[in-house]
Amino acid sequence: MSSTFSFFKQILRRGIFVVVLVSLINLAGWFLPTIQPSYAGVSSPAEELKDIRKDLAAQDPEKIYEEATDPSVDPKMGVEKKFEENLKEYNKENPDQGGLLGGAKELINKITEEK
């Protein structure tokens, strides 16, 4: 009986020791200074947005578009660009076969000439 009592007494001591240790660590954390996050020298997001807009305004929009539609970056855009080039070349070689768009242009021209 006494060995069982001493066993529970030992478990109780270890439990109290763990609770006190965790409490001290938690208490020490309350008194440590908090570290504020660094925003890399940015004073406000609005100012950064102004800087970004100013940089975009200084760049050439056509150059930005060409870089965005670079075929080496996006193969699908490369195929579309190649199709547009082939279509322009075809229209130069066969101006009489303008397709639907050519037919619509001719029809509009006929209607406007009659009035």
N, C-alpha and C. Protein backbone atom coordinates (compact mmCIF):
# COMPACT_ATOMS: atom_id res chain seq x y z
N MET A 1 0.82 -1.19 0.00
CA MET A 1 0.00 0.00 0.00
C MET A 1 0.86 1.25 0.00
N SER A 2 1.92 1.23 0.78
CA SER A 2 2.78 2.40 0.86
C SER A 2 3.53 2.63 -0.44
N SER A 3 3.88 1.53 -1.16
CA SER A 3 4.57 1.69 -2.44
C SER A 3 3.63 2.33 -3.48
N THR A 4 2.36 2.00 -3.46
CA THR A 4 1.39 2.60 -4.36
C THR A 4 1.22 4.07 -4.04
N PHE A 5 1.17 4.39 -2.75
CA PHE A 5 1.03 5.78 -2.33
C PHE A 5 2.25 6.60 -2.74
N SER A 6 3.46 6.05 -2.58
CA SER A 6 4.68 6.77 -2.97
C SER A 6 4.76 6.93 -4.50
N PHE A 7 4.25 5.94 -5.24
CA PHE A 7 4.23 6.03 -6.70
C PHE A 7 3.34 7.19 -7.16
N PHE A 8 2.13 7.31 -6.59
CA PHE A 8 1.22 8.41 -6.96
C PHE A 8 1.79 9.75 -6.51
N LYS A 9 2.49 9.74 -5.37
CA LYS A 9 3.11 10.97 -4.87
C LYS A 9 4.19 11.45 -5.84
N GLN A 10 4.97 10.51 -6.38
CA GLN A 10 6.02 10.85 -7.34
C GLN A 10 5.42 11.39 -8.65
N ILE A 11 4.33 10.76 -9.11
CA ILE A 11 3.66 11.23 -10.34
C ILE A 11 3.10 12.63 -10.12
N LEU A 12 2.53 12.88 -8.94
CA LEU A 12 1.99 14.20 -8.62
C LEU A 12 3.08 15.25 -8.61
N ARG A 13 4.25 14.93 -8.07
CA ARG A 13 5.37 15.89 -8.04
C ARG A 13 5.83 16.23 -9.46
N ARG A 14 5.96 15.19 -10.30
CA ARG A 14 6.40 15.43 -11.68
C ARG A 14 5.37 16.27 -12.44
N GLY A 15 4.10 16.01 -12.22
CA GLY A 15 3.05 16.79 -12.89
C GLY A 15 3.09 18.24 -12.46
N ILE A 16 3.26 18.47 -11.14
CA ILE A 16 3.34 19.85 -10.64
C ILE A 16 4.59 20.53 -11.21
N PHE A 17 5.71 19.80 -11.27
CA PHE A 17 6.94 20.36 -11.81
C PHE A 17 6.76 20.78 -13.27
N VAL A 18 6.11 19.96 -14.08
CA VAL A 18 5.89 20.27 -15.49
C VAL A 18 4.98 21.49 -15.63
N VAL A 19 3.94 21.57 -14.82
CA VAL A 19 3.01 22.71 -14.89
C VAL A 19 3.73 23.99 -14.50
N VAL A 20 4.54 23.96 -13.46
CA VAL A 20 5.29 25.15 -13.02
C VAL A 20 6.30 25.56 -14.09
N LEU A 21 6.99 24.60 -14.69
CA LEU A 21 7.98 24.90 -15.72
C LEU A 21 7.32 25.55 -16.95
N VAL A 22 6.21 25.00 -17.40
CA VAL A 22 5.50 25.57 -18.55
C VAL A 22 4.99 26.96 -18.21
N SER A 23 4.51 27.17 -17.01
CA SER A 23 4.01 28.48 -16.59
C SER A 23 5.13 29.51 -16.58
N LEU A 24 6.31 29.14 -16.10
CA LEU A 24 7.44 30.07 -16.09
C LEU A 24 7.88 30.44 -17.50
N ILE A 25 7.90 29.47 -18.39
CA ILE A 25 8.27 29.77 -19.78
C ILE A 25 7.24 30.70 -20.41
N ASN A 26 5.98 30.47 -20.15
CA ASN A 26 4.92 31.33 -20.67
C ASN A 26 5.04 32.73 -20.08
N LEU A 27 5.30 32.82 -18.80
CA LEU A 27 5.42 34.12 -18.13
C LEU A 27 6.62 34.89 -18.67
N ALA A 28 7.71 34.21 -18.94
CA ALA A 28 8.89 34.87 -19.50
C ALA A 28 8.58 35.41 -20.89
N GLY A 29 7.76 34.70 -21.65
CA GLY A 29 7.38 35.16 -22.98
C GLY A 29 6.57 36.44 -22.95
N TRP A 30 5.82 36.67 -21.88
CA TRP A 30 5.03 37.89 -21.78
C TRP A 30 5.91 39.12 -21.61
N PHE A 31 7.06 38.97 -20.96
CA PHE A 31 7.91 40.11 -20.67
C PHE A 31 8.99 40.37 -21.71
N LEU A 32 9.13 39.48 -22.66
CA LEU A 32 10.10 39.71 -23.73
C LEU A 32 9.54 40.76 -24.68
N PRO A 33 10.40 41.62 -25.21
CA PRO A 33 9.89 42.64 -26.14
C PRO A 33 9.41 41.98 -27.43
N THR A 34 8.33 42.49 -27.96
CA THR A 34 7.81 41.95 -29.22
C THR A 34 8.55 42.59 -30.37
N ILE A 35 8.76 41.84 -31.41
CA ILE A 35 9.48 42.32 -32.58
C ILE A 35 8.45 42.63 -33.66
N GLN A 36 8.46 43.87 -34.10
CA GLN A 36 7.53 44.27 -35.15
C GLN A 36 8.03 43.79 -36.51
N PRO A 37 7.14 43.45 -37.42
CA PRO A 37 7.58 42.99 -38.74
C PRO A 37 8.18 44.13 -39.54
N SER A 38 9.15 43.80 -40.34
CA SER A 38 9.80 44.79 -41.18
C SER A 38 9.10 44.82 -42.53
N TYR A 39 8.78 45.99 -43.00
CA TYR A 39 8.15 46.12 -44.31
C TYR A 39 9.14 46.63 -45.34
N ALA A 40 10.39 46.34 -45.15
CA ALA A 40 11.46 46.65 -46.10
C ALA A 40 11.50 48.13 -46.46
N GLY A 41 11.30 48.98 -45.52
CA GLY A 41 11.44 50.41 -45.74
C GLY A 41 10.27 51.05 -46.45
N VAL A 42 9.18 50.38 -46.62
CA VAL A 42 8.01 50.94 -47.28
C VAL A 42 7.21 51.72 -46.24
N SER A 43 6.97 52.98 -46.55
CA SER A 43 6.23 53.78 -45.58
C SER A 43 4.73 53.52 -45.67
N SER A 44 4.23 53.29 -46.88
CA SER A 44 2.81 52.97 -47.00
C SER A 44 2.57 52.28 -48.35
N PRO A 45 1.55 51.44 -48.43
CA PRO A 45 1.24 50.78 -49.70
C PRO A 45 0.82 51.76 -50.79
N ALA A 46 0.22 52.86 -50.42
CA ALA A 46 -0.22 53.85 -51.42
C ALA A 46 0.98 54.45 -52.14
N GLU A 47 2.05 54.73 -51.39
CA GLU A 47 3.24 55.29 -52.02
C GLU A 47 3.89 54.28 -52.97
N GLU A 48 3.91 53.03 -52.58
CA GLU A 48 4.46 52.00 -53.46
C GLU A 48 3.64 51.86 -54.73
N LEU A 49 2.33 51.96 -54.61
CA LEU A 49 1.46 51.88 -55.77
C LEU A 49 1.72 53.04 -56.72
N LYS A 50 1.95 54.23 -56.17
CA LYS A 50 2.29 55.39 -57.00
C LYS A 50 3.60 55.15 -57.75
N ASP A 51 4.60 54.57 -57.06
CA ASP A 51 5.88 54.29 -57.70
C ASP A 51 5.72 53.28 -58.83
N ILE A 52 4.91 52.26 -58.61
CA ILE A 52 4.69 51.25 -59.64
C ILE A 52 4.00 51.87 -60.85
N ARG A 53 3.00 52.69 -60.60
CA ARG A 53 2.29 53.34 -61.73
C ARG A 53 3.22 54.28 -62.49
N LYS A 54 4.10 54.98 -61.77
CA LYS A 54 5.03 55.89 -62.42
C LYS A 54 6.00 55.10 -63.30
N ASP A 55 6.47 53.96 -62.81
CA ASP A 55 7.37 53.11 -63.60
C ASP A 55 6.67 52.56 -64.84
N LEU A 56 5.40 52.16 -64.70
CA LEU A 56 4.67 51.64 -65.85
C LEU A 56 4.40 52.73 -66.87
N ALA A 57 4.15 53.95 -66.41
CA ALA A 57 3.90 55.06 -67.33
C ALA A 57 5.16 55.42 -68.11
N ALA A 58 6.32 55.20 -67.52
CA ALA A 58 7.57 55.53 -68.19
C ALA A 58 7.93 54.51 -69.27
N GLN A 59 7.36 53.32 -69.21
CA GLN A 59 7.69 52.29 -70.18
C GLN A 59 6.79 52.39 -71.41
N ASP A 60 7.30 51.84 -72.51
CA ASP A 60 6.56 51.85 -73.77
C ASP A 60 5.52 50.73 -73.75
N PRO A 61 4.22 51.05 -73.93
CA PRO A 61 3.19 50.01 -73.87
C PRO A 61 3.34 48.94 -74.94
N GLU A 62 3.80 49.33 -76.13
CA GLU A 62 3.97 48.35 -77.20
C GLU A 62 5.07 47.35 -76.85
N LYS A 63 6.13 47.84 -76.23
CA LYS A 63 7.22 46.96 -75.83
C LYS A 63 6.76 45.99 -74.74
N ILE A 64 5.97 46.49 -73.80
CA ILE A 64 5.44 45.63 -72.74
C ILE A 64 4.54 44.56 -73.34
N TYR A 65 3.71 44.94 -74.33
CA TYR A 65 2.82 43.99 -74.98
C TYR A 65 3.62 42.92 -75.71
N GLU A 66 4.66 43.33 -76.43
CA GLU A 66 5.49 42.37 -77.15
C GLU A 66 6.16 41.39 -76.19
N GLU A 67 6.61 41.89 -75.05
CA GLU A 67 7.24 41.01 -74.07
C GLU A 67 6.22 40.05 -73.47
N ALA A 68 4.99 40.53 -73.26
CA ALA A 68 3.96 39.68 -72.68
C ALA A 68 3.50 38.60 -73.65
N THR A 69 3.56 38.90 -74.94
CA THR A 69 3.12 37.93 -75.95
C THR A 69 4.30 37.24 -76.62
N ASP A 70 5.41 37.18 -75.96
CA ASP A 70 6.61 36.53 -76.50
C ASP A 70 6.32 35.04 -76.69
N PRO A 71 6.52 34.51 -77.91
CA PRO A 71 6.19 33.10 -78.15
C PRO A 71 7.05 32.13 -77.36
N SER A 72 8.25 32.53 -76.98
CA SER A 72 9.09 31.62 -76.21
C SER A 72 8.54 31.43 -74.80
N VAL A 73 7.78 32.40 -74.30
CA VAL A 73 7.19 32.29 -72.96
C VAL A 73 5.90 31.48 -73.01
N ASP A 74 5.04 31.77 -74.00
CA ASP A 74 3.75 31.10 -74.08
C ASP A 74 3.60 30.54 -75.50
N PRO A 75 3.71 29.24 -75.68
CA PRO A 75 3.63 28.66 -77.02
C PRO A 75 2.29 28.92 -77.71
N LYS A 76 1.21 29.00 -76.95
CA LYS A 76 -0.10 29.24 -77.54
C LYS A 76 -0.13 30.62 -78.22
N MET A 77 0.45 31.62 -77.55
CA MET A 77 0.50 32.95 -78.15
C MET A 77 1.38 32.95 -79.40
N GLY A 78 2.43 32.14 -79.40
CA GLY A 78 3.29 32.02 -80.58
C GLY A 78 2.52 31.49 -81.77
N VAL A 79 1.67 30.51 -81.54
CA VAL A 79 0.87 29.93 -82.62
C VAL A 79 -0.12 30.97 -83.14
N GLU A 80 -0.74 31.72 -82.24
CA GLU A 80 -1.69 32.75 -82.67
C GLU A 80 -0.99 33.83 -83.48
N LYS A 81 0.21 34.22 -83.06
CA LYS A 81 0.95 35.24 -83.80
C LYS A 81 1.31 34.74 -85.20
N LYS A 82 1.74 33.48 -85.27
CA LYS A 82 2.10 32.90 -86.55
C LYS A 82 0.87 32.82 -87.46
N PHE A 83 -0.29 32.49 -86.90
CA PHE A 83 -1.53 32.44 -87.68
C PHE A 83 -1.88 33.82 -88.22
N GLU A 84 -1.75 34.85 -87.40
CA GLU A 84 -2.05 36.22 -87.86
C GLU A 84 -1.12 36.64 -88.99
N GLU A 85 0.17 36.28 -88.86
CA GLU A 85 1.13 36.61 -89.92
C GLU A 85 0.77 35.87 -91.21
N ASN A 86 0.42 34.61 -91.09
CA ASN A 86 0.03 33.84 -92.28
C ASN A 86 -1.24 34.39 -92.91
N LEU A 87 -2.20 34.81 -92.10
CA LEU A 87 -3.44 35.38 -92.61
C LEU A 87 -3.18 36.69 -93.35
N LYS A 88 -2.32 37.54 -92.81
CA LYS A 88 -1.98 38.79 -93.50
C LYS A 88 -1.30 38.50 -94.83
N GLU A 89 -0.40 37.52 -94.83
CA GLU A 89 0.30 37.16 -96.06
C GLU A 89 -0.68 36.61 -97.10
N TYR A 90 -1.61 35.79 -96.67
CA TYR A 90 -2.62 35.23 -97.56
C TYR A 90 -3.49 36.34 -98.15
N ASN A 91 -3.90 37.29 -97.31
CA ASN A 91 -4.74 38.39 -97.80
C ASN A 91 -3.98 39.27 -98.78
N LYS A 92 -2.67 39.40 -98.63
CA LYS A 92 -1.88 40.18 -99.59
C LYS A 92 -1.77 39.44 -100.92
N GLU A 93 -1.62 38.12 -100.86
CA GLU A 93 -1.50 37.33 -102.09
C GLU A 93 -2.83 37.17 -102.81
N ASN A 94 -3.93 37.09 -102.06
CA ASN A 94 -5.26 36.87 -102.64
C ASN A 94 -6.23 37.96 -102.17
N PRO A 95 -6.09 39.14 -102.72
CA PRO A 95 -6.99 40.22 -102.25
C PRO A 95 -8.44 40.01 -102.69
N ASP A 96 -8.66 39.23 -103.75
CA ASP A 96 -10.03 39.01 -104.22
C ASP A 96 -10.79 38.03 -103.33
N GLN A 97 -10.11 37.21 -102.56
CA GLN A 97 -10.76 36.26 -101.67
C GLN A 97 -10.63 36.75 -100.22
N GLY A 98 -11.36 37.78 -99.92
CA GLY A 98 -11.29 38.37 -98.59
C GLY A 98 -12.09 37.60 -97.56
N GLY A 99 -12.85 36.60 -98.00
CA GLY A 99 -13.65 35.83 -97.05
C GLY A 99 -14.88 36.60 -96.62
N LEU A 100 -15.39 36.30 -95.49
CA LEU A 100 -16.60 36.92 -94.96
C LEU A 100 -16.40 38.41 -94.73
N LEU A 101 -15.26 38.76 -94.18
CA LEU A 101 -14.98 40.16 -93.91
C LEU A 101 -14.89 40.96 -95.22
N GLY A 102 -14.25 40.38 -96.22
CA GLY A 102 -14.15 41.06 -97.51
C GLY A 102 -15.51 41.23 -98.16
N GLY A 103 -16.35 40.20 -98.06
CA GLY A 103 -17.71 40.28 -98.61
C GLY A 103 -18.53 41.34 -97.89
N ALA A 104 -18.38 41.43 -96.60
CA ALA A 104 -19.12 42.44 -95.83
C ALA A 104 -18.66 43.84 -96.22
N LYS A 105 -17.38 44.02 -96.42
CA LYS A 105 -16.86 45.33 -96.83
C LYS A 105 -17.42 45.73 -98.20
N GLU A 106 -17.44 44.76 -99.12
CA GLU A 106 -17.97 45.05 -100.45
C GLU A 106 -19.45 45.41 -100.38
N LEU A 107 -20.22 44.70 -99.60
CA LEU A 107 -21.64 44.96 -99.45
C LEU A 107 -21.89 46.35 -98.86
N ILE A 108 -21.10 46.70 -97.85
CA ILE A 108 -21.24 48.04 -97.24
C ILE A 108 -20.90 49.11 -98.24
N ASN A 109 -19.85 48.89 -99.04
CA ASN A 109 -19.47 49.87 -100.05
C ASN A 109 -20.57 50.02 -101.11
N LYS A 110 -21.21 48.93 -101.54
CA LYS A 110 -22.28 49.01 -102.52
C LYS A 110 -23.48 49.79 -101.96
N ILE A 111 -23.83 49.52 -100.71
CA ILE A 111 -24.97 50.18 -100.10
C ILE A 111 -24.73 51.67 -99.94
N THR A 112 -23.53 52.04 -99.52
CA THR A 112 -23.23 53.46 -99.30
C THR A 112 -23.10 54.22 -100.62
N GLU A 113 -22.67 53.54 -101.72
CA GLU A 113 -22.55 54.19 -103.01
C GLU A 113 -23.91 54.44 -103.65
N GLU A 114 -24.90 53.57 -103.38
CA GLU A 114 -26.22 53.71 -103.98
C GLU A 114 -26.95 54.92 -103.40
N LYS A 115 -26.73 55.25 -102.18
CA LYS A 115 -27.47 56.35 -101.55
C LYS A 115 -26.92 57.66 -101.90
